[in-house]
Amino acid sequence: MSGYCRIAPGHPLHGPYHDREYGFASRDETVLFERLCLEIMQAGLSWELVLKRRASLNAAFASFEVDRVARFGARDVARLLGDPGIIRNRLKVEAVIDNARRVQALRDSHGGFADWLDAHQPRDKAAWVKLFRQTFRFTGGEIVGEFLMSLGILPGAHAPDCPVGIRLAKRQQRVRASPKAKARQRLRASAPKAARQRVRASAPKKPR
């Protein structure tokens, strides 16, 4: 989506997103969940439409706070499908709610959404898509690819000569050299094993 760098600057909606969010890393669960949900909502539609309705989507989906969305039930689904300010697609709405519960499960298996992403890096887009389809609902190739590019996990968010991309690349170099980043890299190799151990420890024991 590096062509975005040609059309976004100066646009009232695309400009701020391009300059302040697109390609920017985050470990905040709410940011990650909102970004995934917005990509799901965008499927088959334009990104500009999603940005226009972003405020309404945040209001309708409890600011994309995972625990609140995970508690949504049939009455909430009916409310959302009747809300003209959002994208009223039942499959997408139900996927957002179910995915909130799946993010909750990642806390138990990996420590959280960001830690789950860390544990599976690096990998190519095809491998990411396969993993997301095993873990979440409504996560096809374009959705997963844009989600990961939007966080800088996959390359391609910005053109090589984009000032924002250049600034981000320098920032990422500093981050990768930081002690915290190096510690996370050391943990990645052991994360799957640790996750399996947590699952085994929490599993109910069979009676003898």
Protein backbone atom coordinates (compact mmCIF):
# COMPACT_ATOMS: atom_id res chain seq x y z
CA MET A 1 0.00 0.00 0.00
CA SER A 2 3.00 2.34 -0.49
CA GLY A 3 0.86 4.25 -3.05
CA TYR A 4 -0.99 5.52 0.02
CA CYS A 5 1.94 7.85 0.60
CA ARG A 6 1.03 9.75 -2.59
CA ILE A 7 -2.67 10.25 -1.90
CA ALA A 8 -2.84 10.48 1.90
CA PRO A 9 -0.77 13.59 2.82
CA GLY A 10 -3.03 16.59 3.23
CA HIS A 11 -6.26 14.57 3.07
CA PRO A 12 -8.55 15.34 6.05
CA LEU A 13 -9.02 11.64 6.88
CA HIS A 14 -6.15 9.75 5.29
CA GLY A 15 -3.52 12.36 6.17
CA PRO A 16 -3.64 12.04 9.98
CA TYR A 17 -3.89 8.23 9.79
CA HIS A 18 -0.92 8.01 7.39
CA ASP A 19 1.20 10.45 9.40
CA ARG A 20 0.46 9.23 12.92
CA GLU A 21 -0.71 5.60 12.81
CA TYR A 22 -0.06 3.67 9.61
CA GLY A 23 3.06 1.54 10.00
CA PHE A 24 3.51 2.53 13.65
CA ALA A 25 4.19 -0.32 16.08
CA SER A 26 2.03 -0.73 19.17
CA ARG A 27 1.79 -3.14 22.08
CA ASP A 28 -1.47 -1.70 23.43
CA GLU A 29 -4.18 -4.37 23.37
CA THR A 30 -6.95 -1.87 22.60
CA VAL A 31 -4.98 -0.38 19.70
CA LEU A 32 -4.27 -3.83 18.27
CA PHE A 33 -7.86 -4.97 18.65
CA GLU A 34 -9.31 -1.79 17.14
CA ARG A 35 -6.92 -2.01 14.18
CA LEU A 36 -7.88 -5.63 13.50
CA CYS A 37 -11.59 -4.80 13.78
CA LEU A 38 -11.31 -1.81 11.45
CA GLU A 39 -9.56 -3.97 8.86
CA ILE A 40 -12.38 -6.52 9.17
CA MET A 41 -14.96 -3.77 8.74
CA GLN A 42 -13.14 -2.47 5.65
CA ALA A 43 -13.36 -5.79 3.75
CA GLY A 44 -15.12 -5.15 0.44
CA LEU A 45 -15.41 -1.42 1.18
CA SER A 46 -13.13 1.61 1.08
CA TRP A 47 -10.72 2.58 3.85
CA GLU A 48 -12.04 6.12 3.62
CA LEU A 49 -15.51 4.88 4.59
CA VAL A 50 -14.05 3.13 7.63
CA LEU A 51 -12.19 6.28 8.69
CA LYS A 52 -15.38 8.31 8.28
CA ARG A 53 -17.23 5.92 10.57
CA ARG A 54 -14.38 5.28 12.99
CA ALA A 55 -15.78 7.47 15.76
CA SER A 56 -19.18 5.81 15.47
CA LEU A 57 -17.58 2.36 15.45
CA ASN A 58 -15.65 3.21 18.62
CA ALA A 59 -18.82 4.43 20.30
CA ALA A 60 -20.80 1.36 19.23
CA PHE A 61 -18.09 -1.13 20.21
CA ALA A 62 -17.23 0.29 23.66
CA SER A 63 -14.01 1.95 22.45
CA PHE A 64 -12.86 -1.53 21.40
CA GLU A 65 -12.05 -2.46 24.98
CA VAL A 66 -11.63 -6.21 24.72
CA ASP A 67 -13.34 -7.25 27.95
CA ARG A 68 -16.38 -5.06 27.31
CA VAL A 69 -16.83 -6.26 23.73
CA ALA A 70 -16.37 -9.88 24.83
CA ARG A 71 -19.46 -9.51 27.03
CA PHE A 72 -21.68 -8.45 24.12
CA GLY A 73 -24.66 -10.73 23.55
CA ALA A 74 -27.65 -11.09 21.23
CA ARG A 75 -29.16 -7.78 22.37
CA ASP A 76 -25.93 -5.98 21.51
CA VAL A 77 -25.80 -7.62 18.09
CA ALA A 78 -29.34 -6.38 17.41
CA ARG A 79 -28.36 -2.89 18.60
CA LEU A 80 -25.29 -2.84 16.35
CA LEU A 81 -27.18 -4.06 13.29
CA GLY A 82 -29.64 -1.23 13.82
CA ASP A 83 -26.97 1.47 14.14
CA PRO A 84 -26.77 3.51 10.89
CA GLY A 85 -23.46 5.06 11.99
CA ILE A 86 -21.48 1.84 11.63
CA ILE A 87 -21.02 -0.86 8.99
CA ARG A 88 -24.00 -3.13 9.49
CA ASN A 89 -22.81 -6.53 8.40
CA ARG A 90 -23.81 -9.41 10.68
CA LEU A 91 -20.78 -11.56 9.85
CA LYS A 92 -18.41 -8.71 10.62
CA VAL A 93 -20.22 -7.67 13.81
CA GLU A 94 -20.28 -11.23 15.15
CA ALA A 95 -16.62 -11.72 14.18
CA VAL A 96 -15.60 -8.62 16.18
CA ILE A 97 -17.37 -9.91 19.28
CA ASP A 98 -15.99 -13.42 18.95
CA ASN A 99 -12.49 -12.10 18.27
CA ALA A 100 -12.61 -10.14 21.53
CA ARG A 101 -13.05 -13.46 23.33
CA ARG A 102 -10.19 -14.92 21.34
CA VAL A 103 -7.94 -12.04 22.37
CA GLN A 104 -8.86 -12.82 25.98
CA ALA A 105 -7.73 -16.40 25.38
CA LEU A 106 -4.36 -15.13 24.12
CA ARG A 107 -3.73 -13.65 27.56
CA ASP A 108 -3.81 -17.15 29.02
CA SER A 109 -1.86 -18.85 26.24
CA HIS A 110 0.78 -16.20 25.50
CA GLY A 111 0.37 -13.30 27.94
CA GLY A 112 -1.55 -11.08 25.52
CA PHE A 113 -2.17 -10.09 21.91
CA ALA A 114 1.20 -8.33 21.51
CA ASP A 115 3.05 -11.27 23.06
CA TRP A 116 1.24 -13.65 20.70
CA LEU A 117 2.41 -11.56 17.74
CA ASP A 118 5.95 -11.55 19.17
CA ALA A 119 5.95 -15.31 19.63
CA HIS A 120 5.26 -15.92 15.94
CA GLN A 121 7.72 -13.50 14.39
CA PRO A 122 9.27 -13.49 11.90
CA ARG A 123 7.18 -15.18 9.22
CA ASP A 124 5.95 -14.36 5.73
CA LYS A 125 2.46 -13.18 4.86
CA ALA A 126 1.20 -16.63 3.83
CA ALA A 127 2.23 -18.11 7.18
CA TRP A 128 0.65 -15.21 9.05
CA VAL A 129 -2.62 -15.62 7.15
CA LYS A 130 -2.73 -19.32 8.00
CA LEU A 131 -2.09 -18.55 11.67
CA PHE A 132 -4.73 -15.82 11.83
CA ARG A 133 -7.32 -18.05 10.20
CA GLN A 134 -6.62 -20.66 12.87
CA THR A 135 -6.90 -18.08 15.65
CA PHE A 136 -9.49 -15.45 14.63
CA ARG A 137 -12.66 -15.10 12.59
CA PHE A 138 -13.04 -13.17 9.32
CA THR A 139 -9.30 -12.82 8.72
CA GLY A 140 -8.52 -13.34 5.05
CA GLY A 141 -5.32 -12.46 3.27
CA GLU A 142 -5.98 -8.77 2.62
CA ILE A 143 -7.23 -8.16 6.15
CA VAL A 144 -4.23 -9.88 7.75
CA GLY A 145 -1.75 -8.25 5.39
CA GLU A 146 -3.05 -4.74 5.99
CA PHE A 147 -3.31 -5.31 9.74
CA LEU A 148 0.32 -6.41 9.95
CA MET A 149 1.57 -3.65 7.63
CA SER A 150 -0.32 -1.10 9.70
CA LEU A 151 1.77 -2.17 12.70
CA GLY A 152 5.08 -2.39 10.85
CA ILE A 153 5.23 -6.17 11.31
CA LEU A 154 5.12 -6.73 7.55
CA PRO A 155 6.90 -4.24 5.24
CA GLY A 156 5.18 -2.10 2.66
CA ALA A 157 3.20 0.49 4.58
CA HIS A 158 5.26 3.40 3.23
CA ALA A 159 7.13 4.16 0.04
CA PRO A 160 10.95 4.21 0.35
CA ASP A 161 11.04 7.99 -0.08
CA CYS A 162 8.11 8.73 2.25
CA PRO A 163 9.26 11.04 5.08
CA VAL A 164 7.02 9.21 7.56
CA GLY A 165 8.45 5.84 6.47
CA ILE A 166 12.02 7.11 6.77
CA ARG A 167 11.30 8.42 10.26
CA LEU A 168 9.68 5.13 11.25
CA ALA A 169 12.63 3.10 9.93
CA LYS A 170 15.04 5.12 12.09
CA ARG A 171 12.76 4.70 15.10
CA GLN A 172 12.53 0.94 14.55
CA GLN A 173 16.32 0.68 14.41
CA ARG A 174 16.57 2.40 17.79
CA VAL A 175 13.84 0.18 19.23
CA ARG A 176 15.47 -3.03 17.97
CA ALA A 177 18.72 -1.96 19.64
CA SER A 178 17.03 -1.31 23.00
CA PRO A 179 17.48 -3.74 25.93
CA LYS A 180 13.71 -4.42 26.08
CA ALA A 181 13.59 -5.42 22.41
CA LYS A 182 16.59 -7.69 22.79
CA ALA A 183 14.99 -9.32 25.82
CA ARG A 184 11.78 -9.94 23.83
CA GLN A 185 13.82 -11.51 21.03
CA ARG A 186 15.39 -13.91 23.51
CA LEU A 187 11.95 -14.85 24.80
CA ARG A 188 10.44 -15.51 21.37
CA ALA A 189 12.16 -18.85 20.97
CA SER A 190 10.88 -20.09 24.32
CA ALA A 191 7.41 -18.49 24.10
CA PRO A 192 5.62 -21.43 22.40
CA LYS A 193 7.05 -23.88 24.92
CA ALA A 194 6.13 -21.62 27.83
CA ALA A 195 2.62 -21.23 26.43
CA ARG A 196 2.17 -25.00 26.21
CA GLN A 197 3.36 -25.34 29.78
CA ARG A 198 0.79 -22.75 30.96
CA VAL A 199 -1.99 -24.55 29.12
CA ARG A 200 -0.99 -27.92 30.59
CA ALA A 201 -0.76 -26.43 34.07
CA SER A 202 -4.26 -24.95 33.83
CA ALA A 203 -5.88 -28.06 32.33
CA PRO A 204 -8.10 -30.09 34.68
CA LYS A 205 -6.52 -33.30 35.89
CA LYS A 206 -8.12 -36.63 35.08
CA PRO A 207 -9.39 -38.51 38.11
CA ARG A 208 -7.43 -41.61 38.96
